[in-house]
């Protein structure tokens, strides 16, 4: 349901399809979903960060030493171009978790 301000036309509705960009609300929603998959489990964040480093970013895994893995993934996520965010989400969904 649209919010009151959207129904009366004071603000634009965000219910449009974003095909060549990604607004902050969508990016934040995707991050929140990704975050919900791993919750606060440190081991899961470490495994995800290592997989992202090794197979997605293709950077040395030892870059992660001394880093909070959740913060490392988050910083990377928010630095991505809009289409790269979708690629990362696909990677996470397609990567088996143990």
N, C-alpha and C. Protein backbone atom coordinates (compact mmCIF):
# COMPACT_ATOMS: atom_id res chain seq x y z
N UNK A 1 0.84 -1.18 0.00
CA UNK A 1 0.00 0.00 0.00
C UNK A 1 0.88 1.24 0.00
N UNK A 2 0.53 2.19 -0.85
CA UNK A 2 1.28 3.44 -0.90
C UNK A 2 1.08 4.23 0.39
N UNK A 3 2.08 4.98 0.74
CA UNK A 3 1.98 5.87 1.89
C UNK A 3 1.10 7.06 1.53
N UNK A 4 0.58 7.70 2.55
CA UNK A 4 -0.32 8.84 2.35
C UNK A 4 0.31 9.89 1.43
N UNK A 5 1.57 10.24 1.69
CA UNK A 5 2.23 11.28 0.90
C UNK A 5 2.37 10.88 -0.56
N UNK A 6 2.49 9.58 -0.84
CA UNK A 6 2.56 9.10 -2.22
C UNK A 6 1.18 9.16 -2.88
N UNK A 7 0.15 8.81 -2.11
CA UNK A 7 -1.21 8.81 -2.67
C UNK A 7 -1.67 10.20 -3.05
N UNK A 8 -1.26 11.21 -2.31
CA UNK A 8 -1.72 12.57 -2.63
C UNK A 8 -0.74 13.31 -3.55
N UNK A 9 0.35 12.64 -3.93
CA UNK A 9 1.28 13.20 -4.90
C UNK A 9 2.32 14.15 -4.34
N UNK A 10 2.50 14.18 -3.02
CA UNK A 10 3.50 15.06 -2.42
C UNK A 10 4.91 14.54 -2.71
N UNK A 11 5.07 13.21 -2.67
CA UNK A 11 6.36 12.59 -3.00
C UNK A 11 6.13 11.54 -4.08
N UNK A 12 7.17 11.26 -4.85
CA UNK A 12 7.08 10.25 -5.89
C UNK A 12 7.01 8.86 -5.27
N UNK A 13 6.26 8.02 -5.90
CA UNK A 13 6.19 6.63 -5.49
C UNK A 13 7.48 5.93 -5.88
N UNK A 14 7.95 5.03 -5.03
CA UNK A 14 9.17 4.28 -5.34
C UNK A 14 8.84 2.93 -5.95
N UNK A 15 7.63 2.75 -6.42
CA UNK A 15 7.21 1.48 -6.97
C UNK A 15 7.58 1.30 -8.43
N UNK A 16 8.55 2.02 -8.94
CA UNK A 16 8.95 1.90 -10.33
C UNK A 16 10.08 0.89 -10.48
N UNK A 17 10.19 0.36 -11.68
CA UNK A 17 11.24 -0.61 -11.97
C UNK A 17 12.55 0.13 -12.25
N UNK A 18 13.59 -0.24 -11.53
CA UNK A 18 14.89 0.41 -11.69
C UNK A 18 15.76 -0.48 -12.59
N UNK A 19 15.96 -0.05 -13.83
CA UNK A 19 16.69 -0.89 -14.78
C UNK A 19 18.06 -0.34 -15.15
N UNK A 20 18.35 0.90 -14.85
CA UNK A 20 19.66 1.46 -15.21
C UNK A 20 20.32 2.18 -14.05
N UNK A 21 19.84 1.93 -12.87
CA UNK A 21 20.38 2.58 -11.69
C UNK A 21 19.80 1.86 -10.47
N UNK A 22 20.23 2.26 -9.30
CA UNK A 22 19.70 1.69 -8.06
C UNK A 22 19.68 2.80 -7.02
N UNK A 23 18.48 3.09 -6.50
CA UNK A 23 18.43 4.13 -5.48
C UNK A 23 18.86 3.56 -4.13
N UNK A 24 19.07 4.46 -3.19
CA UNK A 24 19.56 4.03 -1.88
C UNK A 24 18.59 3.10 -1.17
N UNK A 25 17.29 3.34 -1.33
CA UNK A 25 16.31 2.49 -0.66
C UNK A 25 16.43 1.04 -1.14
N UNK A 26 16.59 0.84 -2.44
CA UNK A 26 16.73 -0.51 -2.98
C UNK A 26 18.05 -1.14 -2.54
N UNK A 27 19.13 -0.38 -2.64
CA UNK A 27 20.44 -0.90 -2.23
C UNK A 27 20.41 -1.30 -0.75
N UNK A 28 19.84 -0.45 0.08
CA UNK A 28 19.74 -0.75 1.51
C UNK A 28 18.87 -1.98 1.75
N UNK A 29 17.79 -2.12 1.01
CA UNK A 29 16.91 -3.28 1.16
C UNK A 29 17.64 -4.56 0.77
N UNK A 30 18.42 -4.51 -0.30
CA UNK A 30 19.19 -5.69 -0.71
C UNK A 30 20.25 -6.04 0.34
N UNK A 31 20.91 -5.02 0.89
CA UNK A 31 21.88 -5.28 1.95
C UNK A 31 21.18 -5.90 3.16
N UNK A 32 20.03 -5.34 3.54
CA UNK A 32 19.30 -5.87 4.69
C UNK A 32 18.91 -7.33 4.48
N UNK A 33 18.54 -7.67 3.26
CA UNK A 33 18.21 -9.07 2.96
C UNK A 33 19.46 -9.94 3.08
N UNK A 34 20.55 -9.49 2.48
CA UNK A 34 21.80 -10.24 2.57
C UNK A 34 22.21 -10.41 4.04
N UNK A 35 22.10 -9.34 4.79
CA UNK A 35 22.44 -9.38 6.21
C UNK A 35 21.57 -10.39 6.95
N UNK A 36 20.30 -10.47 6.60
CA UNK A 36 19.39 -11.40 7.28
C UNK A 36 19.76 -12.86 7.01
N UNK A 37 20.41 -13.12 5.89
CA UNK A 37 20.83 -14.48 5.59
C UNK A 37 21.93 -14.97 6.53
N UNK A 38 22.75 -14.04 7.00
CA UNK A 38 23.91 -14.41 7.81
C UNK A 38 23.77 -13.99 9.26
N UNK A 39 22.81 -13.15 9.55
CA UNK A 39 22.54 -12.67 10.91
C UNK A 39 23.83 -12.25 11.59
N UNK A 40 24.04 -12.62 12.81
CA UNK A 40 25.24 -12.19 13.52
C UNK A 40 26.29 -13.27 13.63
N UNK A 41 26.16 -14.32 12.83
CA UNK A 41 27.07 -15.45 12.92
C UNK A 41 28.42 -15.10 12.30
N UNK A 42 29.41 -14.95 13.14
CA UNK A 42 30.75 -14.56 12.68
C UNK A 42 31.33 -15.58 11.71
N UNK A 43 31.15 -16.85 11.99
CA UNK A 43 31.71 -17.89 11.10
C UNK A 43 31.12 -17.79 9.70
N UNK A 44 29.82 -17.51 9.60
CA UNK A 44 29.18 -17.36 8.29
C UNK A 44 29.74 -16.15 7.54
N UNK A 45 29.97 -15.05 8.26
CA UNK A 45 30.52 -13.85 7.62
C UNK A 45 31.96 -14.10 7.14
N UNK A 46 32.71 -14.83 7.93
CA UNK A 46 34.08 -15.16 7.53
C UNK A 46 34.06 -16.01 6.26
N UNK A 47 33.20 -17.03 6.24
CA UNK A 47 33.10 -17.89 5.06
C UNK A 47 32.65 -17.09 3.84
N UNK A 48 31.68 -16.21 4.03
CA UNK A 48 31.21 -15.39 2.90
C UNK A 48 32.33 -14.47 2.40
N UNK A 49 33.02 -13.80 3.32
CA UNK A 49 34.09 -12.88 2.93
C UNK A 49 35.19 -13.62 2.17
N UNK A 50 35.54 -14.82 2.65
CA UNK A 50 36.57 -15.60 1.96
C UNK A 50 36.11 -16.00 0.56
N UNK A 51 34.85 -16.40 0.43
CA UNK A 51 34.33 -16.78 -0.89
C UNK A 51 34.29 -15.58 -1.82
N UNK A 52 33.86 -14.44 -1.30
CA UNK A 52 33.82 -13.22 -2.12
C UNK A 52 35.23 -12.83 -2.55
N UNK A 53 36.17 -12.87 -1.62
CA UNK A 53 37.55 -12.51 -1.95
C UNK A 53 38.13 -13.46 -2.99
N UNK A 54 37.93 -14.74 -2.78
CA UNK A 54 38.56 -15.75 -3.64
C UNK A 54 37.91 -15.85 -5.01
N UNK A 55 36.58 -15.92 -5.04
CA UNK A 55 35.90 -16.27 -6.29
C UNK A 55 35.17 -15.11 -6.97
N UNK A 56 34.87 -14.05 -6.24
CA UNK A 56 34.13 -12.94 -6.84
C UNK A 56 35.05 -11.75 -7.12
N UNK A 57 35.73 -11.28 -6.09
CA UNK A 57 36.65 -10.15 -6.28
C UNK A 57 37.98 -10.61 -6.85
N UNK A 58 38.32 -11.88 -6.58
CA UNK A 58 39.59 -12.45 -7.01
C UNK A 58 40.78 -11.64 -6.47
N UNK A 59 40.73 -11.44 -5.16
CA UNK A 59 41.81 -10.76 -4.45
C UNK A 59 42.39 -11.73 -3.43
N UNK A 60 43.60 -11.46 -2.94
CA UNK A 60 44.20 -12.36 -1.95
C UNK A 60 43.34 -12.47 -0.69
N UNK A 61 43.10 -13.69 -0.26
CA UNK A 61 42.27 -13.94 0.91
C UNK A 61 42.92 -13.39 2.17
N UNK A 62 44.24 -13.30 2.18
CA UNK A 62 44.90 -12.79 3.38
C UNK A 62 44.65 -11.30 3.59
N UNK A 63 44.01 -10.64 2.61
CA UNK A 63 43.56 -9.26 2.79
C UNK A 63 42.58 -9.14 3.95
N UNK A 64 41.93 -10.24 4.26
CA UNK A 64 40.90 -10.22 5.29
C UNK A 64 41.47 -10.23 6.70
N UNK A 65 42.71 -10.61 6.87
CA UNK A 65 43.29 -10.68 8.21
C UNK A 65 43.22 -9.33 8.89
N UNK A 66 42.72 -9.36 10.11
CA UNK A 66 42.61 -8.12 10.88
C UNK A 66 41.36 -7.33 10.56
N UNK A 67 40.54 -7.82 9.66
CA UNK A 67 39.30 -7.13 9.30
C UNK A 67 38.11 -7.82 9.94
N UNK A 68 37.11 -7.04 10.26
CA UNK A 68 35.80 -7.58 10.60
C UNK A 68 35.18 -7.98 9.27
N UNK A 69 34.92 -9.25 9.07
CA UNK A 69 34.49 -9.74 7.75
C UNK A 69 33.15 -9.16 7.33
N UNK A 70 32.24 -9.00 8.27
CA UNK A 70 30.95 -8.39 7.92
C UNK A 70 31.16 -6.97 7.42
N UNK A 71 31.98 -6.19 8.10
CA UNK A 71 32.26 -4.82 7.68
C UNK A 71 32.98 -4.78 6.33
N UNK A 72 33.87 -5.75 6.10
CA UNK A 72 34.59 -5.83 4.83
C UNK A 72 33.62 -6.07 3.68
N UNK A 73 32.70 -7.03 3.86
CA UNK A 73 31.71 -7.33 2.82
C UNK A 73 30.79 -6.12 2.62
N UNK A 74 30.37 -5.50 3.71
CA UNK A 74 29.46 -4.35 3.61
C UNK A 74 30.12 -3.19 2.86
N UNK A 75 31.35 -2.88 3.21
CA UNK A 75 32.05 -1.78 2.52
C UNK A 75 32.16 -2.06 1.04
N UNK A 76 32.47 -3.31 0.70
CA UNK A 76 32.57 -3.68 -0.70
C UNK A 76 31.21 -3.57 -1.39
N UNK A 77 30.18 -4.11 -0.74
CA UNK A 77 28.82 -4.08 -1.29
C UNK A 77 28.40 -2.65 -1.63
N UNK A 78 28.63 -1.73 -0.71
CA UNK A 78 28.19 -0.35 -0.93
C UNK A 78 29.10 0.43 -1.88
N UNK A 79 30.23 -0.15 -2.25
CA UNK A 79 31.10 0.51 -3.23
C UNK A 79 30.80 0.08 -4.67
N UNK A 80 29.98 -0.96 -4.81
CA UNK A 80 29.71 -1.53 -6.13
C UNK A 80 28.79 -0.66 -6.97
N UNK A 81 28.95 -0.77 -8.27
CA UNK A 81 27.99 -0.17 -9.20
C UNK A 81 26.69 -0.95 -9.08
N UNK A 82 25.60 -0.37 -9.52
CA UNK A 82 24.28 -0.97 -9.32
C UNK A 82 24.20 -2.38 -9.89
N UNK A 83 24.75 -2.62 -11.07
CA UNK A 83 24.65 -3.94 -11.69
C UNK A 83 25.57 -4.95 -11.00
N UNK A 84 26.65 -4.46 -10.41
CA UNK A 84 27.55 -5.34 -9.67
C UNK A 84 26.90 -5.83 -8.37
N UNK A 85 26.02 -5.01 -7.79
CA UNK A 85 25.28 -5.44 -6.60
C UNK A 85 24.47 -6.68 -6.94
N UNK A 86 23.77 -6.63 -8.08
CA UNK A 86 22.98 -7.81 -8.50
C UNK A 86 23.88 -9.01 -8.75
N UNK A 87 25.05 -8.79 -9.33
CA UNK A 87 25.98 -9.89 -9.57
C UNK A 87 26.46 -10.50 -8.26
N UNK A 88 26.72 -9.66 -7.27
CA UNK A 88 27.14 -10.17 -5.97
C UNK A 88 26.01 -10.95 -5.30
N UNK A 89 24.80 -10.44 -5.37
CA UNK A 89 23.64 -11.15 -4.80
C UNK A 89 23.50 -12.51 -5.47
N UNK A 90 23.61 -12.56 -6.80
CA UNK A 90 23.54 -13.84 -7.51
C UNK A 90 24.64 -14.79 -7.05
N UNK A 91 25.84 -14.25 -6.89
CA UNK A 91 26.97 -15.06 -6.43
C UNK A 91 26.67 -15.67 -5.06
N UNK A 92 26.17 -14.84 -4.14
CA UNK A 92 25.88 -15.32 -2.79
C UNK A 92 24.80 -16.40 -2.82
N UNK A 93 23.76 -16.18 -3.61
CA UNK A 93 22.67 -17.15 -3.69
C UNK A 93 23.16 -18.46 -4.29
N UNK A 94 24.03 -18.38 -5.29
CA UNK A 94 24.50 -19.59 -5.98
C UNK A 94 25.64 -20.31 -5.26
N UNK A 95 26.24 -19.66 -4.25
CA UNK A 95 27.35 -20.27 -3.53
C UNK A 95 26.82 -21.09 -2.37
N UNK A 96 27.11 -22.39 -2.37
CA UNK A 96 26.60 -23.24 -1.28
C UNK A 96 27.18 -22.81 0.07
N UNK A 97 26.33 -22.84 1.08
CA UNK A 97 26.77 -22.57 2.44
C UNK A 97 26.69 -23.86 3.24
N UNK A 98 27.67 -24.07 4.09
CA UNK A 98 27.64 -25.28 4.90
C UNK A 98 27.13 -25.00 6.28
